[in-house]
Amino acid sequence: MLEENYLAVVGGKREQRLKRPQSEDYLSLKIPALVLVGEHDVPDMHTIGERFSKSIPRASFQEIKQAGHLPALEKPAVFNNLLREFLQQNGL
């Protein structure tokens, strides 16, 4: 049902959504970035997140297991630990 609703909303824009994170603007980012997705997020979000993180020079990508589109609310302890580790590793 979730997939049907998602496809109804984005319709023919699915391919555009997959290509959108490949903007050249992301290459100019000088700061570290953390891209998080939930394991059970809407279709294609894992692919979009991975592509997005690869387009940012200092980005890291993490998937939060047993979480959907709102991992900060669904798995707050895991989210906070990943964020804390990221900040510490990057001296932030």
C-alpha atoms as a PDB file:
ATOM      1  CA  MET A   1       0.000   0.000   0.000  1.00  0.00           C
ATOM      2  CA  LEU A   2       2.811   2.423   0.851  1.00  0.00           C
ATOM      3  CA  GLU A   3       4.434   1.795  -2.535  1.00  0.00           C
ATOM      4  CA  GLU A   4       1.143   2.393  -4.350  1.00  0.00           C
ATOM      5  CA  ASN A   5       0.644   5.709  -2.528  1.00  0.00           C
ATOM      6  CA  TYR A   6       4.219   6.728  -3.263  1.00  0.00           C
ATOM      7  CA  LEU A   7       3.890   5.964  -6.963  1.00  0.00           C
ATOM      8  CA  ALA A   8       0.556   7.790  -7.098  1.00  0.00           C
ATOM      9  CA  VAL A   9       2.194  10.900  -5.648  1.00  0.00           C
ATOM     10  CA  VAL A  10       5.395  10.942  -7.723  1.00  0.00           C
ATOM     11  CA  GLY A  11       3.917   9.333 -10.818  1.00  0.00           C
ATOM     12  CA  GLY A  12       6.145   9.815 -13.848  1.00  0.00           C
ATOM     13  CA  LYS A  13       8.680  11.837 -11.862  1.00  0.00           C
ATOM     14  CA  ARG A  14      10.334   8.708 -10.485  1.00  0.00           C
ATOM     15  CA  GLU A  15      13.302   8.857 -12.868  1.00  0.00           C
ATOM     16  CA  GLN A  16      13.734  12.561 -12.230  1.00  0.00           C
ATOM     17  CA  ARG A  17      13.887  11.888  -8.475  1.00  0.00           C
ATOM     18  CA  LEU A  18      16.631   9.318  -9.009  1.00  0.00           C
ATOM     19  CA  LYS A  19      18.734  11.768 -11.030  1.00  0.00           C
ATOM     20  CA  ARG A  20      18.144  14.907  -8.960  1.00  0.00           C
ATOM     21  CA  PRO A  21      20.908  14.346  -6.330  1.00  0.00           C
ATOM     22  CA  GLN A  22      23.552  14.282  -9.076  1.00  0.00           C
ATOM     23  CA  SER A  23      23.769  18.076  -9.065  1.00  0.00           C
ATOM     24  CA  GLU A  24      27.233  19.536  -9.587  1.00  0.00           C
ATOM     25  CA  ASP A  25      26.538  21.929  -6.719  1.00  0.00           C
ATOM     26  CA  TYR A  26      27.109  19.156  -4.183  1.00  0.00           C
ATOM     27  CA  LEU A  27      30.695  18.727  -5.380  1.00  0.00           C
ATOM     28  CA  SER A  28      31.539  22.157  -4.007  1.00  0.00           C
ATOM     29  CA  LEU A  29      30.521  21.343  -0.427  1.00  0.00           C
ATOM     30  CA  LYS A  30      33.511  21.654   1.876  1.00  0.00           C
ATOM     31  CA  ILE A  31      31.913  20.344   5.062  1.00  0.00           C
ATOM     32  CA  PRO A  32      31.264  16.753   6.147  1.00  0.00           C
ATOM     33  CA  ALA A  33      27.745  15.474   5.564  1.00  0.00           C
ATOM     34  CA  LEU A  34      25.865  12.532   7.017  1.00  0.00           C
ATOM     35  CA  VAL A  35      23.154  10.964   4.873  1.00  0.00           C
ATOM     36  CA  LEU A  36      20.780   8.725   6.825  1.00  0.00           C
ATOM     37  CA  VAL A  37      17.946   6.574   5.493  1.00  0.00           C
ATOM     38  CA  GLY A  38      15.624   4.105   7.139  1.00  0.00           C
ATOM     39  CA  GLU A  39      15.760   0.474   6.070  1.00  0.00           C
ATOM     40  CA  HIS A  40      12.004   0.518   5.359  1.00  0.00           C
ATOM     41  CA  ASP A  41      11.786   3.994   3.837  1.00  0.00           C
ATOM     42  CA  VAL A  42       9.737   4.638   0.703  1.00  0.00           C
ATOM     43  CA  PRO A  43      10.863   2.857  -2.472  1.00  0.00           C
ATOM     44  CA  ASP A  44      14.048   4.197  -4.046  1.00  0.00           C
ATOM     45  CA  MET A  45      15.085   6.256  -0.985  1.00  0.00           C
ATOM     46  CA  HIS A  46      18.041   3.949  -0.257  1.00  0.00           C
ATOM     47  CA  THR A  47      19.266   4.344  -3.842  1.00  0.00           C
ATOM     48  CA  ILE A  48      18.693   8.099  -3.743  1.00  0.00           C
ATOM     49  CA  GLY A  49      20.527   8.381  -0.410  1.00  0.00           C
ATOM     50  CA  GLU A  50      23.510   6.394  -1.637  1.00  0.00           C
ATOM     51  CA  ARG A  51      23.762   8.396  -4.867  1.00  0.00           C
ATOM     52  CA  PHE A  52      23.370  11.634  -2.943  1.00  0.00           C
ATOM     53  CA  SER A  53      26.140  10.726  -0.498  1.00  0.00           C
ATOM     54  CA  LYS A  54      28.472   9.792  -3.370  1.00  0.00           C
ATOM     55  CA  SER A  55      27.938  13.210  -4.931  1.00  0.00           C
ATOM     56  CA  ILE A  56      29.221  14.990  -1.800  1.00  0.00           C
ATOM     57  CA  PRO A  57      33.021  14.836  -1.331  1.00  0.00           C
ATOM     58  CA  ARG A  58      33.029  14.333   2.467  1.00  0.00           C
ATOM     59  CA  ALA A  59      29.747  12.483   2.941  1.00  0.00           C
ATOM     60  CA  SER A  60      29.074   9.238   4.705  1.00  0.00           C
ATOM     61  CA  PHE A  61      25.982   7.095   4.244  1.00  0.00           C
ATOM     62  CA  GLN A  62      24.232   5.061   6.925  1.00  0.00           C
ATOM     63  CA  GLU A  63      21.093   2.962   6.887  1.00  0.00           C
ATOM     64  CA  ILE A  64      19.121   2.686  10.116  1.00  0.00           C
ATOM     65  CA  LYS A  65      17.711  -0.818  10.479  1.00  0.00           C
ATOM     66  CA  GLN A  66      14.027  -1.305  11.302  1.00  0.00           C
ATOM     67  CA  ALA A  67      13.228   2.352  10.574  1.00  0.00           C
ATOM     68  CA  GLY A  68      11.108   3.995   7.915  1.00  0.00           C
ATOM     69  CA  HIS A  69      11.071   7.554   6.598  1.00  0.00           C
ATOM     70  CA  LEU A  70      11.514   9.165  10.031  1.00  0.00           C
ATOM     71  CA  PRO A  71      14.441   7.325  11.633  1.00  0.00           C
ATOM     72  CA  ALA A  72      15.082  10.140  14.136  1.00  0.00           C
ATOM     73  CA  LEU A  73      11.612   9.534  15.583  1.00  0.00           C
ATOM     74  CA  GLU A  74      11.408   5.776  15.065  1.00  0.00           C
ATOM     75  CA  LYS A  75      14.891   4.855  16.334  1.00  0.00           C
ATOM     76  CA  PRO A  76      16.053   7.920  18.305  1.00  0.00           C
ATOM     77  CA  ALA A  77      18.828   6.138  20.229  1.00  0.00           C
ATOM     78  CA  VAL A  78      20.349   4.696  17.046  1.00  0.00           C
ATOM     79  CA  PHE A  79      19.952   8.014  15.232  1.00  0.00           C
ATOM     80  CA  ASN A  80      21.576   9.945  18.093  1.00  0.00           C
ATOM     81  CA  ASN A  81      24.477   7.487  18.344  1.00  0.00           C
ATOM     82  CA  LEU A  82      25.189   7.698  14.606  1.00  0.00           C
ATOM     83  CA  LEU A  83      25.005  11.479  14.707  1.00  0.00           C
ATOM     84  CA  ARG A  84      27.241  11.678  17.789  1.00  0.00           C
ATOM     85  CA  GLU A  85      29.840   9.370  16.187  1.00  0.00           C
ATOM     86  CA  PHE A  86      29.756  11.398  12.971  1.00  0.00           C
ATOM     87  CA  LEU A  87      30.252  14.668  14.829  1.00  0.00           C
ATOM     88  CA  GLN A  88      33.117  13.256  16.911  1.00  0.00           C
ATOM     89  CA  GLN A  89      34.862  11.713  13.894  1.00  0.00           C
ATOM     90  CA  ASN A  90      34.736  15.057  12.121  1.00  0.00           C
ATOM     91  CA  GLY A  91      35.768  17.192  15.076  1.00  0.00           C
ATOM     92  CA  LEU A  92      32.418  18.934  15.231  1.00  0.00           C
END
